[in-house]
Amino acid sequence: LDYLVHVASGFIVLEGSIGTLAEL
């Protein structure tokens, strides 16, 4: 999660469950 949220310049959140909600 640390890598995903610090390396990206932008984010798109698709439909998902608790893992997707945690990322959001």
mmCIF file of all heavy atoms, coordinates in Angstrom:
data_MODEL
# 
_entry.id   MODEL 
# 
loop_
_atom_site.group_PDB 
_atom_site.id 
_atom_site.type_symbol 
_atom_site.label_atom_id 
_atom_site.label_alt_id 
_atom_site.label_comp_id 
_atom_site.label_asym_id 
_atom_site.label_entity_id 
_atom_site.label_seq_id 
_atom_site.pdbx_PDB_ins_code 
_atom_site.Cartn_x 
_atom_site.Cartn_y 
_atom_site.Cartn_z 
_atom_site.occupancy 
_atom_site.B_iso_or_equiv 
_atom_site.pdbx_formal_charge 
_atom_site.auth_seq_id 
_atom_site.auth_comp_id 
_atom_site.auth_asym_id 
_atom_site.auth_atom_id 
_atom_site.pdbx_PDB_model_num 
ATOM 1   N N   . LEU A 1 1  ? 0.826   -1.203 0.000   1.00 0.00 ? 1  LEU A N   1 
ATOM 2   C CA  . LEU A 1 1  ? 0.000   0.000  0.000   1.00 0.00 ? 1  LEU A CA  1 
ATOM 3   C C   . LEU A 1 1  ? 0.863   1.257  0.000   1.00 0.00 ? 1  LEU A C   1 
ATOM 4   O O   . LEU A 1 1  ? 0.561   2.233  -0.692  1.00 0.00 ? 1  LEU A O   1 
ATOM 5   C CB  . LEU A 1 1  ? -0.938  -0.003 1.207   1.00 0.00 ? 1  LEU A CB  1 
ATOM 6   C CG  . LEU A 1 1  ? -2.042  -1.050 1.197   1.00 0.00 ? 1  LEU A CG  1 
ATOM 7   C CD1 . LEU A 1 1  ? -2.719  -1.128 2.563   1.00 0.00 ? 1  LEU A CD1 1 
ATOM 8   C CD2 . LEU A 1 1  ? -3.051  -0.764 0.107   1.00 0.00 ? 1  LEU A CD2 1 
ATOM 9   N N   . ASP A 1 2  ? 1.931   1.232  0.777   1.00 0.00 ? 2  ASP A N   1 
ATOM 10  C CA  . ASP A 1 2  ? 2.848   2.371  0.848   1.00 0.00 ? 2  ASP A CA  1 
ATOM 11  C C   . ASP A 1 2  ? 3.403   2.688  -0.547  1.00 0.00 ? 2  ASP A C   1 
ATOM 12  O O   . ASP A 1 2  ? 3.433   3.848  -0.960  1.00 0.00 ? 2  ASP A O   1 
ATOM 13  C CB  . ASP A 1 2  ? 3.973   2.026  1.829   1.00 0.00 ? 2  ASP A CB  1 
ATOM 14  C CG  . ASP A 1 2  ? 4.766   3.228  2.298   1.00 0.00 ? 2  ASP A CG  1 
ATOM 15  O OD1 . ASP A 1 2  ? 4.239   4.357  2.310   1.00 0.00 ? 2  ASP A OD1 1 
ATOM 16  O OD2 . ASP A 1 2  ? 5.934   3.032  2.675   1.00 0.00 ? 2  ASP A OD2 1 
ATOM 17  N N   . TYR A 1 3  ? 3.818   1.668  -1.262  1.00 0.00 ? 3  TYR A N   1 
ATOM 18  C CA  . TYR A 1 3  ? 4.356   1.859  -2.610  1.00 0.00 ? 3  TYR A CA  1 
ATOM 19  C C   . TYR A 1 3  ? 3.276   2.430  -3.538  1.00 0.00 ? 3  TYR A C   1 
ATOM 20  O O   . TYR A 1 3  ? 3.501   3.425  -4.234  1.00 0.00 ? 3  TYR A O   1 
ATOM 21  C CB  . TYR A 1 3  ? 4.873   0.522  -3.162  1.00 0.00 ? 3  TYR A CB  1 
ATOM 22  C CG  . TYR A 1 3  ? 5.655   0.653  -4.443  1.00 0.00 ? 3  TYR A CG  1 
ATOM 23  C CD1 . TYR A 1 3  ? 7.044   0.640  -4.433  1.00 0.00 ? 3  TYR A CD1 1 
ATOM 24  C CD2 . TYR A 1 3  ? 5.014   0.763  -5.682  1.00 0.00 ? 3  TYR A CD2 1 
ATOM 25  C CE1 . TYR A 1 3  ? 7.774   0.745  -5.607  1.00 0.00 ? 3  TYR A CE1 1 
ATOM 26  C CE2 . TYR A 1 3  ? 5.738   0.884  -6.859  1.00 0.00 ? 3  TYR A CE2 1 
ATOM 27  C CZ  . TYR A 1 3  ? 7.119   0.874  -6.823  1.00 0.00 ? 3  TYR A CZ  1 
ATOM 28  O OH  . TYR A 1 3  ? 7.832   0.993  -7.986  1.00 0.00 ? 3  TYR A OH  1 
ATOM 29  N N   . LEU A 1 4  ? 2.118   1.814  -3.545  1.00 0.00 ? 4  LEU A N   1 
ATOM 30  C CA  . LEU A 1 4  ? 1.038   2.248  -4.438  1.00 0.00 ? 4  LEU A CA  1 
ATOM 31  C C   . LEU A 1 4  ? 0.663   3.712  -4.223  1.00 0.00 ? 4  LEU A C   1 
ATOM 32  O O   . LEU A 1 4  ? 0.472   4.459  -5.186  1.00 0.00 ? 4  LEU A O   1 
ATOM 33  C CB  . LEU A 1 4  ? -0.203  1.374  -4.243  1.00 0.00 ? 4  LEU A CB  1 
ATOM 34  C CG  . LEU A 1 4  ? -0.140  -0.042 -4.818  1.00 0.00 ? 4  LEU A CG  1 
ATOM 35  C CD1 . LEU A 1 4  ? -1.243  -0.910 -4.217  1.00 0.00 ? 4  LEU A CD1 1 
ATOM 36  C CD2 . LEU A 1 4  ? -0.237  -0.015 -6.336  1.00 0.00 ? 4  LEU A CD2 1 
ATOM 37  N N   . VAL A 1 5  ? 0.556   4.135  -2.969  1.00 0.00 ? 5  VAL A N   1 
ATOM 38  C CA  . VAL A 1 5  ? 0.067   5.496  -2.717  1.00 0.00 ? 5  VAL A CA  1 
ATOM 39  C C   . VAL A 1 5  ? 1.151   6.557  -2.802  1.00 0.00 ? 5  VAL A C   1 
ATOM 40  O O   . VAL A 1 5  ? 0.826   7.741  -2.930  1.00 0.00 ? 5  VAL A O   1 
ATOM 41  C CB  . VAL A 1 5  ? -0.698  5.619  -1.377  1.00 0.00 ? 5  VAL A CB  1 
ATOM 42  C CG1 . VAL A 1 5  ? -1.903  4.700  -1.357  1.00 0.00 ? 5  VAL A CG1 1 
ATOM 43  C CG2 . VAL A 1 5  ? 0.191   5.396  -0.188  1.00 0.00 ? 5  VAL A CG2 1 
ATOM 44  N N   . HIS A 1 6  ? 2.422   6.167  -2.782  1.00 0.00 ? 6  HIS A N   1 
ATOM 45  C CA  . HIS A 1 6  ? 3.481   7.178  -2.862  1.00 0.00 ? 6  HIS A CA  1 
ATOM 46  C C   . HIS A 1 6  ? 4.141   7.297  -4.228  1.00 0.00 ? 6  HIS A C   1 
ATOM 47  O O   . HIS A 1 6  ? 4.781   8.310  -4.508  1.00 0.00 ? 6  HIS A O   1 
ATOM 48  C CB  . HIS A 1 6  ? 4.543   6.917  -1.788  1.00 0.00 ? 6  HIS A CB  1 
ATOM 49  C CG  . HIS A 1 6  ? 4.094   7.341  -0.434  1.00 0.00 ? 6  HIS A CG  1 
ATOM 50  N ND1 . HIS A 1 6  ? 3.549   6.462  0.479   1.00 0.00 ? 6  HIS A ND1 1 
ATOM 51  C CD2 . HIS A 1 6  ? 4.063   8.555  0.152   1.00 0.00 ? 6  HIS A CD2 1 
ATOM 52  C CE1 . HIS A 1 6  ? 3.223   7.126  1.574   1.00 0.00 ? 6  HIS A CE1 1 
ATOM 53  N NE2 . HIS A 1 6  ? 3.519   8.392  1.406   1.00 0.00 ? 6  HIS A NE2 1 
ATOM 54  N N   . VAL A 1 7  ? 4.011   6.301  -5.066  1.00 0.00 ? 7  VAL A N   1 
ATOM 55  C CA  . VAL A 1 7  ? 4.680   6.344  -6.362  1.00 0.00 ? 7  VAL A CA  1 
ATOM 56  C C   . VAL A 1 7  ? 3.781   6.931  -7.449  1.00 0.00 ? 7  VAL A C   1 
ATOM 57  O O   . VAL A 1 7  ? 4.260   7.530  -8.404  1.00 0.00 ? 7  VAL A O   1 
ATOM 58  C CB  . VAL A 1 7  ? 5.188   4.929  -6.744  1.00 0.00 ? 7  VAL A CB  1 
ATOM 59  C CG1 . VAL A 1 7  ? 5.720   4.874  -8.152  1.00 0.00 ? 7  VAL A CG1 1 
ATOM 60  C CG2 . VAL A 1 7  ? 6.277   4.499  -5.760  1.00 0.00 ? 7  VAL A CG2 1 
ATOM 61  N N   . ALA A 1 8  ? 2.485   6.822  -7.297  1.00 0.00 ? 8  ALA A N   1 
ATOM 62  C CA  . ALA A 1 8  ? 1.548   7.280  -8.336  1.00 0.00 ? 8  ALA A CA  1 
ATOM 63  C C   . ALA A 1 8  ? 1.414   8.802  -8.359  1.00 0.00 ? 8  ALA A C   1 
ATOM 64  O O   . ALA A 1 8  ? 1.509   9.473  -7.334  1.00 0.00 ? 8  ALA A O   1 
ATOM 65  C CB  . ALA A 1 8  ? 0.174   6.648  -8.106  1.00 0.00 ? 8  ALA A CB  1 
ATOM 66  N N   . SER A 1 9  ? 1.137   9.312  -9.554  1.00 0.00 ? 9  SER A N   1 
ATOM 67  C CA  . SER A 1 9  ? 0.840   10.743 -9.754  1.00 0.00 ? 9  SER A CA  1 
ATOM 68  C C   . SER A 1 9  ? -0.655  11.000 -9.753  1.00 0.00 ? 9  SER A C   1 
ATOM 69  O O   . SER A 1 9  ? -1.084  12.145 -9.762  1.00 0.00 ? 9  SER A O   1 
ATOM 70  C CB  . SER A 1 9  ? 1.429   11.213 -11.087 1.00 0.00 ? 9  SER A CB  1 
ATOM 71  O OG  . SER A 1 9  ? 2.823   11.107 -11.078 1.00 0.00 ? 9  SER A OG  1 
ATOM 72  N N   . GLY A 1 10 ? -1.454  9.943  -9.825  1.00 0.00 ? 10 GLY A N   1 
ATOM 73  C CA  . GLY A 1 10 ? -2.912  10.048 -9.815  1.00 0.00 ? 10 GLY A CA  1 
ATOM 74  C C   . GLY A 1 10 ? -3.510  8.682  -9.559  1.00 0.00 ? 10 GLY A C   1 
ATOM 75  O O   . GLY A 1 10 ? -2.817  7.659  -9.642  1.00 0.00 ? 10 GLY A O   1 
ATOM 76  N N   . PHE A 1 11 ? -4.821  8.688  -9.263  1.00 0.00 ? 11 PHE A N   1 
ATOM 77  C CA  . PHE A 1 11 ? -5.490  7.458  -8.837  1.00 0.00 ? 11 PHE A CA  1 
ATOM 78  C C   . PHE A 1 11 ? -6.879  7.350  -9.457  1.00 0.00 ? 11 PHE A C   1 
ATOM 79  O O   . PHE A 1 11 ? -7.608  8.336  -9.519  1.00 0.00 ? 11 PHE A O   1 
ATOM 80  C CB  . PHE A 1 11 ? -5.649  7.455  -7.309  1.00 0.00 ? 11 PHE A CB  1 
ATOM 81  C CG  . PHE A 1 11 ? -4.351  7.621  -6.583  1.00 0.00 ? 11 PHE A CG  1 
ATOM 82  C CD1 . PHE A 1 11 ? -3.879  8.898  -6.272  1.00 0.00 ? 11 PHE A CD1 1 
ATOM 83  C CD2 . PHE A 1 11 ? -3.596  6.527  -6.233  1.00 0.00 ? 11 PHE A CD2 1 
ATOM 84  C CE1 . PHE A 1 11 ? -2.672  9.070  -5.616  1.00 0.00 ? 11 PHE A CE1 1 
ATOM 85  C CE2 . PHE A 1 11 ? -2.381  6.689  -5.571  1.00 0.00 ? 11 PHE A CE2 1 
ATOM 86  C CZ  . PHE A 1 11 ? -1.919  7.962  -5.260  1.00 0.00 ? 11 PHE A CZ  1 
ATOM 87  N N   . ILE A 1 12 ? -7.214  6.134  -9.872  1.00 0.00 ? 12 ILE A N   1 
ATOM 88  C CA  . ILE A 1 12 ? -8.579  5.809  -10.279 1.00 0.00 ? 12 ILE A CA  1 
ATOM 89  C C   . ILE A 1 12 ? -9.038  4.638  -9.424  1.00 0.00 ? 12 ILE A C   1 
ATOM 90  O O   . ILE A 1 12 ? -8.332  3.629  -9.317  1.00 0.00 ? 12 ILE A O   1 
ATOM 91  C CB  . ILE A 1 12 ? -8.675  5.441  -11.773 1.00 0.00 ? 12 ILE A CB  1 
ATOM 92  C CG1 . ILE A 1 12 ? -8.296  6.631  -12.656 1.00 0.00 ? 12 ILE A CG1 1 
ATOM 93  C CG2 . ILE A 1 12 ? -10.093 4.952  -12.117 1.00 0.00 ? 12 ILE A CG2 1 
ATOM 94  C CD1 . ILE A 1 12 ? -8.266  6.317  -14.143 1.00 0.00 ? 12 ILE A CD1 1 
ATOM 95  N N   . VAL A 1 13 ? -10.218 4.777  -8.836  1.00 0.00 ? 13 VAL A N   1 
ATOM 96  C CA  . VAL A 1 13 ? -10.775 3.722  -7.993  1.00 0.00 ? 13 VAL A CA  1 
ATOM 97  C C   . VAL A 1 13 ? -11.975 3.116  -8.720  1.00 0.00 ? 13 VAL A C   1 
ATOM 98  O O   . VAL A 1 13 ? -12.952 3.816  -8.998  1.00 0.00 ? 13 VAL A O   1 
ATOM 99  C CB  . VAL A 1 13 ? -11.200 4.266  -6.614  1.00 0.00 ? 13 VAL A CB  1 
ATOM 100 C CG1 . VAL A 1 13 ? -11.662 3.122  -5.723  1.00 0.00 ? 13 VAL A CG1 1 
ATOM 101 C CG2 . VAL A 1 13 ? -10.077 5.056  -5.963  1.00 0.00 ? 13 VAL A CG2 1 
ATOM 102 N N   . LEU A 1 14 ? -11.875 1.834  -9.032  1.00 0.00 ? 14 LEU A N   1 
ATOM 103 C CA  . LEU A 1 14 ? -12.969 1.102  -9.672  1.00 0.00 ? 14 LEU A CA  1 
ATOM 104 C C   . LEU A 1 14 ? -13.829 0.452  -8.594  1.00 0.00 ? 14 LEU A C   1 
ATOM 105 O O   . LEU A 1 14 ? -13.512 0.539  -7.401  1.00 0.00 ? 14 LEU A O   1 
ATOM 106 C CB  . LEU A 1 14 ? -12.396 0.036  -10.609 1.00 0.00 ? 14 LEU A CB  1 
ATOM 107 C CG  . LEU A 1 14 ? -11.437 0.542  -11.684 1.00 0.00 ? 14 LEU A CG  1 
ATOM 108 C CD1 . LEU A 1 14 ? -10.818 -0.642 -12.437 1.00 0.00 ? 14 LEU A CD1 1 
ATOM 109 C CD2 . LEU A 1 14 ? -12.139 1.484  -12.642 1.00 0.00 ? 14 LEU A CD2 1 
ATOM 110 N N   . GLU A 1 15 ? -14.882 -0.228 -9.007  1.00 0.00 ? 15 GLU A N   1 
ATOM 111 C CA  . GLU A 1 15 ? -15.691 -0.974 -8.044  1.00 0.00 ? 15 GLU A CA  1 
ATOM 112 C C   . GLU A 1 15 ? -14.831 -2.040 -7.376  1.00 0.00 ? 15 GLU A C   1 
ATOM 113 O O   . GLU A 1 15 ? -13.961 -2.629 -8.011  1.00 0.00 ? 15 GLU A O   1 
ATOM 114 C CB  . GLU A 1 15 ? -16.870 -1.637 -8.750  1.00 0.00 ? 15 GLU A CB  1 
ATOM 115 C CG  . GLU A 1 15 ? -17.879 -0.649 -9.284  1.00 0.00 ? 15 GLU A CG  1 
ATOM 116 C CD  . GLU A 1 15 ? -19.032 -1.325 -10.006 1.00 0.00 ? 15 GLU A CD  1 
ATOM 117 O OE1 . GLU A 1 15 ? -19.263 -2.536 -9.801  1.00 0.00 ? 15 GLU A OE1 1 
ATOM 118 O OE2 . GLU A 1 15 ? -19.704 -0.633 -10.780 1.00 0.00 ? 15 GLU A OE2 1 
ATOM 119 N N   . GLY A 1 16 ? -15.074 -2.267 -6.088  1.00 0.00 ? 16 GLY A N   1 
ATOM 120 C CA  . GLY A 1 16 ? -14.296 -3.261 -5.369  1.00 0.00 ? 16 GLY A CA  1 
ATOM 121 C C   . GLY A 1 16 ? -14.876 -3.508 -3.995  1.00 0.00 ? 16 GLY A C   1 
ATOM 122 O O   . GLY A 1 16 ? -15.975 -3.049 -3.676  1.00 0.00 ? 16 GLY A O   1 
ATOM 123 N N   . SER A 1 17 ? -14.114 -4.191 -3.171  1.00 0.00 ? 17 SER A N   1 
ATOM 124 C CA  . SER A 1 17 ? -14.571 -4.547 -1.836  1.00 0.00 ? 17 SER A CA  1 
ATOM 125 C C   . SER A 1 17 ? -13.650 -3.902 -0.800  1.00 0.00 ? 17 SER A C   1 
ATOM 126 O O   . SER A 1 17 ? -13.148 -2.800 -1.015  1.00 0.00 ? 17 SER A O   1 
ATOM 127 C CB  . SER A 1 17 ? -14.614 -6.075 -1.702  1.00 0.00 ? 17 SER A CB  1 
ATOM 128 O OG  . SER A 1 17 ? -15.234 -6.455 -0.495  1.00 0.00 ? 17 SER A OG  1 
ATOM 129 N N   . ILE A 1 18 ? -13.381 -4.587 0.302   1.00 0.00 ? 18 ILE A N   1 
ATOM 130 C CA  . ILE A 1 18 ? -12.661 -3.943 1.404   1.00 0.00 ? 18 ILE A CA  1 
ATOM 131 C C   . ILE A 1 18 ? -11.220 -3.581 1.056   1.00 0.00 ? 18 ILE A C   1 
ATOM 132 O O   . ILE A 1 18 ? -10.701 -2.586 1.555   1.00 0.00 ? 18 ILE A O   1 
ATOM 133 C CB  . ILE A 1 18 ? -12.728 -4.766 2.706   1.00 0.00 ? 18 ILE A CB  1 
ATOM 134 C CG1 . ILE A 1 18 ? -12.105 -6.142 2.532   1.00 0.00 ? 18 ILE A CG1 1 
ATOM 135 C CG2 . ILE A 1 18 ? -14.155 -4.865 3.205   1.00 0.00 ? 18 ILE A CG2 1 
ATOM 136 C CD1 . ILE A 1 18 ? -11.942 -6.894 3.846   1.00 0.00 ? 18 ILE A CD1 1 
ATOM 137 N N   . GLY A 1 19 ? -10.561 -4.368 0.202   1.00 0.00 ? 19 GLY A N   1 
ATOM 138 C CA  . GLY A 1 19 ? -9.203  -4.003 -0.209  1.00 0.00 ? 19 GLY A CA  1 
ATOM 139 C C   . GLY A 1 19 ? -9.199  -2.701 -0.991  1.00 0.00 ? 19 GLY A C   1 
ATOM 140 O O   . GLY A 1 19 ? -8.350  -1.830 -0.778  1.00 0.00 ? 19 GLY A O   1 
ATOM 141 N N   . THR A 1 20 ? -10.168 -2.557 -1.881  1.00 0.00 ? 20 THR A N   1 
ATOM 142 C CA  . THR A 1 20 ? -10.296 -1.327 -2.665  1.00 0.00 ? 20 THR A CA  1 
ATOM 143 C C   . THR A 1 20 ? -10.637 -0.155 -1.749  1.00 0.00 ? 20 THR A C   1 
ATOM 144 O O   . THR A 1 20 ? -10.102 0.948  -1.911  1.00 0.00 ? 20 THR A O   1 
ATOM 145 C CB  . THR A 1 20 ? -11.375 -1.506 -3.753  1.00 0.00 ? 20 THR A CB  1 
ATOM 146 O OG1 . THR A 1 20 ? -11.029 -2.646 -4.557  1.00 0.00 ? 20 THR A OG1 1 
ATOM 147 C CG2 . THR A 1 20 ? -11.487 -0.266 -4.633  1.00 0.00 ? 20 THR A CG2 1 
ATOM 148 N N   . LEU A 1 21 ? -11.508 -0.382 -0.784  1.00 0.00 ? 21 LEU A N   1 
ATOM 149 C CA  . LEU A 1 21 ? -11.843 0.677  0.169   1.00 0.00 ? 21 LEU A CA  1 
ATOM 150 C C   . LEU A 1 21 ? -10.627 1.077  0.996   1.00 0.00 ? 21 LEU A C   1 
ATOM 151 O O   . LEU A 1 21 ? -10.416 2.267  1.265   1.00 0.00 ? 21 LEU A O   1 
ATOM 152 C CB  . LEU A 1 21 ? -12.984 0.237  1.084   1.00 0.00 ? 21 LEU A CB  1 
ATOM 153 C CG  . LEU A 1 21 ? -14.351 0.115  0.421   1.00 0.00 ? 21 LEU A CG  1 
ATOM 154 C CD1 . LEU A 1 21 ? -15.354 -0.491 1.399   1.00 0.00 ? 21 LEU A CD1 1 
ATOM 155 C CD2 . LEU A 1 21 ? -14.843 1.460  -0.089  1.00 0.00 ? 21 LEU A CD2 1 
ATOM 156 N N   . ALA A 1 22 ? -9.809  0.116  1.391   1.00 0.00 ? 22 ALA A N   1 
ATOM 157 C CA  . ALA A 1 22 ? -8.591  0.435  2.149   1.00 0.00 ? 22 ALA A CA  1 
ATOM 158 C C   . ALA A 1 22 ? -7.669  1.320  1.314   1.00 0.00 ? 22 ALA A C   1 
ATOM 159 O O   . ALA A 1 22 ? -7.105  2.304  1.821   1.00 0.00 ? 22 ALA A O   1 
ATOM 160 C CB  . ALA A 1 22 ? -7.875  -0.855 2.558   1.00 0.00 ? 22 ALA A CB  1 
ATOM 161 N N   . GLU A 1 23 ? -7.522  0.991  0.033   1.00 0.00 ? 23 GLU A N   1 
ATOM 162 C CA  . GLU A 1 23 ? -6.683  1.799  -0.859  1.00 0.00 ? 23 GLU A CA  1 
ATOM 163 C C   . GLU A 1 23 ? -7.249  3.204  -1.026  1.00 0.00 ? 23 GLU A C   1 
ATOM 164 O O   . GLU A 1 23 ? -6.516  4.202  -0.971  1.00 0.00 ? 23 GLU A O   1 
ATOM 165 C CB  . GLU A 1 23 ? -6.540  1.090  -2.210  1.00 0.00 ? 23 GLU A CB  1 
ATOM 166 C CG  . GLU A 1 23 ? -5.739  -0.197 -2.100  1.00 0.00 ? 23 GLU A CG  1 
ATOM 167 C CD  . GLU A 1 23 ? -5.972  -1.183 -3.237  1.00 0.00 ? 23 GLU A CD  1 
ATOM 168 O OE1 . GLU A 1 23 ? -6.995  -1.092 -3.947  1.00 0.00 ? 23 GLU A OE1 1 
ATOM 169 O OE2 . GLU A 1 23 ? -5.110  -2.063 -3.405  1.00 0.00 ? 23 GLU A OE2 1 
ATOM 170 N N   . LEU A 1 24 ? -8.565  3.288  -1.229  1.00 0.00 ? 24 LEU A N   1 
ATOM 171 C CA  . LEU A 1 24 ? -9.218  4.587  -1.351  1.00 0.00 ? 24 LEU A CA  1 
ATOM 172 C C   . LEU A 1 24 ? -9.005  5.430  -0.108  1.00 0.00 ? 24 LEU A C   1 
ATOM 173 O O   . LEU A 1 24 ? -8.560  6.578  -0.177  1.00 0.00 ? 24 LEU A O   1 
ATOM 174 C CB  . LEU A 1 24 ? -10.720 4.404  -1.606  1.00 0.00 ? 24 LEU A CB  1 
ATOM 175 C CG  . LEU A 1 24 ? -11.597 5.654  -1.443  1.00 0.00 ? 24 LEU A CG  1 
ATOM 176 C CD1 . LEU A 1 24 ? -11.227 6.727  -2.450  1.00 0.00 ? 24 LEU A CD1 1 
ATOM 177 C CD2 . LEU A 1 24 ? -13.073 5.289  -1.540  1.00 0.00 ? 24 LEU A CD2 1 
# 
